[in-house]
């Protein structure tokens, strides 16, 4: 099942990577999509409008763990794919 926003995401990512010289092979960027539930923080859906979010850059540069990118992947894999995730540094450490 492919939703219209997938086509949009693919177009944006492929053109960005081509612009940076990262997709010189011309191969398809992705063939599978995973939809997840909302990410929650402090008991509410994480949202820029609520100002209760942490950026990817902030998370990756944090000292929560030695390997934040891998630990975030493990954190996400611990839950059913449509389940809302509640983010906290403690849950990342547990992952």
N, C-alpha and C. Protein backbone atom coordinates (compact mmCIF):
# COMPACT_ATOMS: atom_id res chain seq x y z
N UNK A 1 0.85 -1.17 0.00
CA UNK A 1 0.00 0.00 0.00
C UNK A 1 0.89 1.23 0.00
N UNK A 2 0.68 2.11 -0.95
CA UNK A 2 1.50 3.31 -1.03
C UNK A 2 0.60 4.54 -1.01
N UNK A 3 0.84 5.40 -0.06
CA UNK A 3 0.05 6.61 0.10
C UNK A 3 0.70 7.75 -0.68
N UNK A 4 -0.06 8.77 -1.06
CA UNK A 4 0.51 9.89 -1.84
C UNK A 4 1.70 10.57 -1.16
N UNK A 5 1.69 10.63 0.18
CA UNK A 5 2.82 11.30 0.83
C UNK A 5 4.10 10.49 0.69
N UNK A 6 4.02 9.19 0.40
CA UNK A 6 5.23 8.41 0.17
C UNK A 6 5.94 8.90 -1.09
N UNK A 7 5.17 9.13 -2.15
CA UNK A 7 5.74 9.64 -3.39
C UNK A 7 6.42 10.98 -3.15
N UNK A 8 5.79 11.83 -2.37
CA UNK A 8 6.35 13.13 -2.03
C UNK A 8 7.65 12.97 -1.24
N UNK A 9 7.64 12.10 -0.24
CA UNK A 9 8.85 11.88 0.57
C UNK A 9 9.99 11.34 -0.29
N UNK A 10 9.68 10.39 -1.16
CA UNK A 10 10.71 9.82 -2.04
C UNK A 10 11.30 10.91 -2.93
N UNK A 11 10.44 11.72 -3.54
CA UNK A 11 10.92 12.79 -4.43
C UNK A 11 11.82 13.76 -3.69
N UNK A 12 11.43 14.16 -2.49
CA UNK A 12 12.24 15.11 -1.72
C UNK A 12 13.59 14.50 -1.36
N UNK A 13 13.58 13.29 -0.87
CA UNK A 13 14.83 12.66 -0.42
C UNK A 13 15.76 12.35 -1.58
N UNK A 14 15.19 11.83 -2.69
CA UNK A 14 16.04 11.52 -3.83
C UNK A 14 16.66 12.79 -4.42
N UNK A 15 15.89 13.86 -4.52
CA UNK A 15 16.45 15.09 -5.09
C UNK A 15 17.48 15.70 -4.14
N UNK A 16 17.23 15.64 -2.84
CA UNK A 16 18.19 16.16 -1.86
C UNK A 16 19.49 15.37 -1.93
N UNK A 17 19.38 14.04 -1.94
CA UNK A 17 20.58 13.21 -1.98
C UNK A 17 21.34 13.36 -3.30
N UNK A 18 20.60 13.52 -4.40
CA UNK A 18 21.25 13.74 -5.69
C UNK A 18 21.98 15.07 -5.69
N UNK A 19 21.35 16.09 -5.10
CA UNK A 19 21.97 17.42 -4.98
C UNK A 19 23.28 17.32 -4.20
N UNK A 20 23.32 16.47 -3.17
CA UNK A 20 24.53 16.31 -2.36
C UNK A 20 25.51 15.32 -2.97
N UNK A 21 25.11 14.69 -4.08
CA UNK A 21 25.99 13.70 -4.72
C UNK A 21 25.94 12.35 -4.04
N UNK A 22 24.89 12.09 -3.23
CA UNK A 22 24.83 10.83 -2.49
C UNK A 22 24.11 9.73 -3.25
N UNK A 23 23.28 10.08 -4.23
CA UNK A 23 22.52 9.07 -4.96
C UNK A 23 22.98 9.03 -6.42
N UNK A 24 24.26 8.82 -6.62
CA UNK A 24 24.81 8.82 -7.97
C UNK A 24 24.51 7.51 -8.70
N UNK A 25 24.09 6.48 -7.98
CA UNK A 25 23.80 5.19 -8.62
C UNK A 25 22.46 5.22 -9.34
N UNK A 26 21.58 6.15 -8.99
CA UNK A 26 20.26 6.23 -9.61
C UNK A 26 19.30 5.16 -9.12
N UNK A 27 19.67 4.42 -8.07
CA UNK A 27 18.81 3.37 -7.54
C UNK A 27 17.63 3.96 -6.78
N UNK A 28 16.57 3.17 -6.68
CA UNK A 28 15.39 3.58 -5.92
C UNK A 28 15.79 3.82 -4.47
N UNK A 29 15.28 4.89 -3.88
CA UNK A 29 15.70 5.26 -2.52
C UNK A 29 15.22 4.26 -1.48
N UNK A 30 13.93 3.96 -1.45
CA UNK A 30 13.38 2.96 -0.53
C UNK A 30 12.29 2.17 -1.23
N UNK A 31 12.04 0.97 -0.75
CA UNK A 31 10.94 0.17 -1.30
C UNK A 31 9.91 -0.20 -0.25
N UNK A 32 10.21 0.06 1.02
CA UNK A 32 9.29 -0.27 2.11
C UNK A 32 9.14 0.92 3.04
N UNK A 33 7.93 1.05 3.60
CA UNK A 33 7.64 2.11 4.55
C UNK A 33 7.10 1.49 5.83
N UNK A 34 7.45 2.07 6.93
CA UNK A 34 6.91 1.62 8.22
C UNK A 34 6.17 2.80 8.83
N UNK A 35 4.90 2.58 9.13
CA UNK A 35 4.13 3.61 9.82
C UNK A 35 4.12 3.29 11.30
N UNK A 36 4.25 4.30 12.08
CA UNK A 36 4.29 4.11 13.53
C UNK A 36 3.23 4.98 14.19
N UNK A 37 3.00 4.71 15.45
CA UNK A 37 2.11 5.57 16.22
C UNK A 37 2.80 6.87 16.53
N UNK A 38 2.11 7.76 17.18
CA UNK A 38 2.69 9.06 17.54
C UNK A 38 3.74 8.90 18.63
N UNK A 39 4.69 9.80 18.62
CA UNK A 39 5.71 9.86 19.65
C UNK A 39 5.24 10.84 20.70
N UNK A 40 5.20 10.40 21.95
CA UNK A 40 4.75 11.24 23.05
C UNK A 40 5.93 11.63 23.93
N UNK A 41 5.82 12.79 24.54
CA UNK A 41 6.81 13.25 25.50
C UNK A 41 6.06 13.99 26.60
N UNK A 42 6.40 13.70 27.81
CA UNK A 42 5.75 14.32 28.97
C UNK A 42 4.22 14.16 28.91
N UNK A 43 3.78 12.98 28.47
CA UNK A 43 2.36 12.65 28.48
C UNK A 43 1.52 13.22 27.35
N UNK A 44 2.15 13.93 26.40
CA UNK A 44 1.41 14.52 25.28
C UNK A 44 2.11 14.21 23.98
N UNK A 45 1.35 14.24 22.87
CA UNK A 45 1.95 14.02 21.57
C UNK A 45 3.04 15.05 21.32
N UNK A 46 4.19 14.57 20.89
CA UNK A 46 5.29 15.48 20.60
C UNK A 46 4.91 16.36 19.42
N UNK A 47 5.10 17.67 19.56
CA UNK A 47 4.63 18.59 18.55
C UNK A 47 5.38 19.91 18.64
N UNK A 48 5.73 20.45 17.48
CA UNK A 48 6.37 21.77 17.47
C UNK A 48 5.43 22.83 18.02
N UNK A 49 4.14 22.70 17.70
CA UNK A 49 3.19 23.72 18.16
C UNK A 49 3.04 23.72 19.67
N UNK A 50 3.22 22.56 20.30
CA UNK A 50 3.15 22.48 21.76
C UNK A 50 4.50 22.79 22.41
N UNK A 51 5.52 22.90 21.58
CA UNK A 51 6.89 23.17 22.03
C UNK A 51 7.39 22.12 23.02
N UNK A 52 6.95 20.88 22.81
CA UNK A 52 7.41 19.78 23.68
C UNK A 52 8.13 18.73 22.82
N UNK A 53 9.16 19.15 22.15
CA UNK A 53 9.86 18.25 21.26
C UNK A 53 11.36 18.35 21.47
N UNK A 54 12.04 17.34 20.97
CA UNK A 54 13.50 17.34 20.93
C UNK A 54 13.87 17.08 19.48
N UNK A 55 14.75 17.88 18.92
CA UNK A 55 15.13 17.71 17.52
C UNK A 55 16.06 16.50 17.37
N UNK A 56 16.14 16.00 16.17
CA UNK A 56 17.05 14.88 15.88
C UNK A 56 18.48 15.30 16.21
N UNK A 57 18.84 16.51 15.82
CA UNK A 57 20.19 17.01 16.08
C UNK A 57 20.48 17.06 17.58
N UNK A 58 19.51 17.55 18.36
CA UNK A 58 19.68 17.61 19.82
C UNK A 58 19.83 16.20 20.38
N UNK A 59 18.98 15.29 19.92
CA UNK A 59 19.03 13.92 20.44
C UNK A 59 20.37 13.26 20.12
N UNK A 60 20.81 13.37 18.86
CA UNK A 60 22.05 12.72 18.46
C UNK A 60 23.28 13.30 19.14
N UNK A 61 23.22 14.57 19.52
CA UNK A 61 24.37 15.18 20.19
C UNK A 61 24.27 15.07 21.72
N UNK A 62 23.18 14.49 22.21
CA UNK A 62 23.03 14.35 23.66
C UNK A 62 23.95 13.25 24.19
N UNK A 63 24.12 13.23 25.49
CA UNK A 63 24.96 12.21 26.10
C UNK A 63 24.12 11.18 26.86
N UNK A 64 22.89 10.95 26.37
CA UNK A 64 22.01 9.96 27.00
C UNK A 64 22.65 8.58 26.95
N UNK A 65 23.19 8.23 25.78
CA UNK A 65 23.86 6.94 25.61
C UNK A 65 25.11 7.14 24.75
N UNK A 66 25.89 6.08 24.62
CA UNK A 66 27.09 6.14 23.78
C UNK A 66 26.75 6.06 22.29
N UNK A 67 25.60 5.48 21.97
CA UNK A 67 25.21 5.27 20.58
C UNK A 67 23.74 5.66 20.40
N UNK A 68 23.43 6.96 20.41
CA UNK A 68 22.03 7.39 20.42
C UNK A 68 21.22 6.94 19.21
N UNK A 69 21.79 6.94 18.02
CA UNK A 69 21.02 6.53 16.83
C UNK A 69 20.59 5.07 16.93
N UNK A 70 21.54 4.20 17.29
CA UNK A 70 21.21 2.78 17.43
C UNK A 70 20.24 2.54 18.58
N UNK A 71 20.43 3.24 19.66
CA UNK A 71 19.55 3.05 20.81
C UNK A 71 18.13 3.54 20.52
N UNK A 72 17.99 4.60 19.72
CA UNK A 72 16.66 5.06 19.35
C UNK A 72 15.98 4.02 18.46
N UNK A 73 16.73 3.41 17.55
CA UNK A 73 16.16 2.34 16.71
C UNK A 73 15.65 1.20 17.59
N UNK A 74 16.46 0.79 18.55
CA UNK A 74 16.05 -0.29 19.46
C UNK A 74 14.83 0.10 20.28
N UNK A 75 14.79 1.35 20.72
CA UNK A 75 13.64 1.87 21.45
C UNK A 75 12.38 1.71 20.61
N UNK A 76 12.44 2.11 19.35
CA UNK A 76 11.27 2.01 18.47
C UNK A 76 10.86 0.57 18.21
N UNK A 77 11.84 -0.31 18.10
CA UNK A 77 11.54 -1.72 17.81
C UNK A 77 10.94 -2.47 18.99
N UNK A 78 10.98 -1.90 20.17
CA UNK A 78 10.42 -2.56 21.35
C UNK A 78 8.90 -2.52 21.39
N UNK A 79 8.30 -1.73 20.54
CA UNK A 79 6.85 -1.51 20.60
C UNK A 79 6.19 -1.92 19.30
N UNK A 80 4.94 -2.29 19.39
CA UNK A 80 4.17 -2.62 18.21
C UNK A 80 4.12 -1.38 17.31
N UNK A 81 4.15 -1.60 16.02
CA UNK A 81 4.37 -0.49 15.10
C UNK A 81 3.29 0.59 15.10
N UNK A 82 2.08 0.29 15.53
CA UNK A 82 1.04 1.33 15.57
C UNK A 82 0.80 1.87 16.98
N UNK A 83 1.61 1.44 17.91
CA UNK A 83 1.47 1.88 19.29
C UNK A 83 2.16 3.22 19.48
N UNK A 84 1.52 4.09 20.22
CA UNK A 84 2.16 5.37 20.53
C UNK A 84 3.36 5.11 21.44
N UNK A 85 4.46 5.80 21.17
CA UNK A 85 5.67 5.65 21.97
C UNK A 85 5.79 6.84 22.91
N UNK A 86 6.19 6.58 24.13
CA UNK A 86 6.44 7.67 25.07
C UNK A 86 7.94 7.81 25.23
N UNK A 87 8.47 8.93 24.77
CA UNK A 87 9.90 9.20 24.82
C UNK A 87 10.30 9.71 26.19
N UNK A 88 11.41 9.20 26.69
CA UNK A 88 12.09 9.76 27.86
C UNK A 88 13.52 9.25 27.82
N UNK A 89 14.42 9.96 28.46
CA UNK A 89 15.81 9.51 28.47
C UNK A 89 15.94 8.15 29.15
N UNK A 90 15.08 7.91 30.16
CA UNK A 90 15.11 6.61 30.85
C UNK A 90 14.75 5.47 29.90
N UNK A 91 13.75 5.67 29.06
CA UNK A 91 13.33 4.63 28.12
C UNK A 91 14.40 4.38 27.06
N UNK A 92 15.10 5.42 26.66
CA UNK A 92 16.19 5.26 25.69
C UNK A 92 17.31 4.46 26.35
N UNK A 93 17.65 4.76 27.57
CA UNK A 93 18.69 4.04 28.30
C UNK A 93 18.31 2.56 28.45
N UNK A 94 17.03 2.27 28.69
CA UNK A 94 16.58 0.89 28.83
C UNK A 94 16.74 0.12 27.52
N UNK A 95 16.61 0.81 26.40
CA UNK A 95 16.74 0.17 25.09
C UNK A 95 18.15 -0.35 24.91
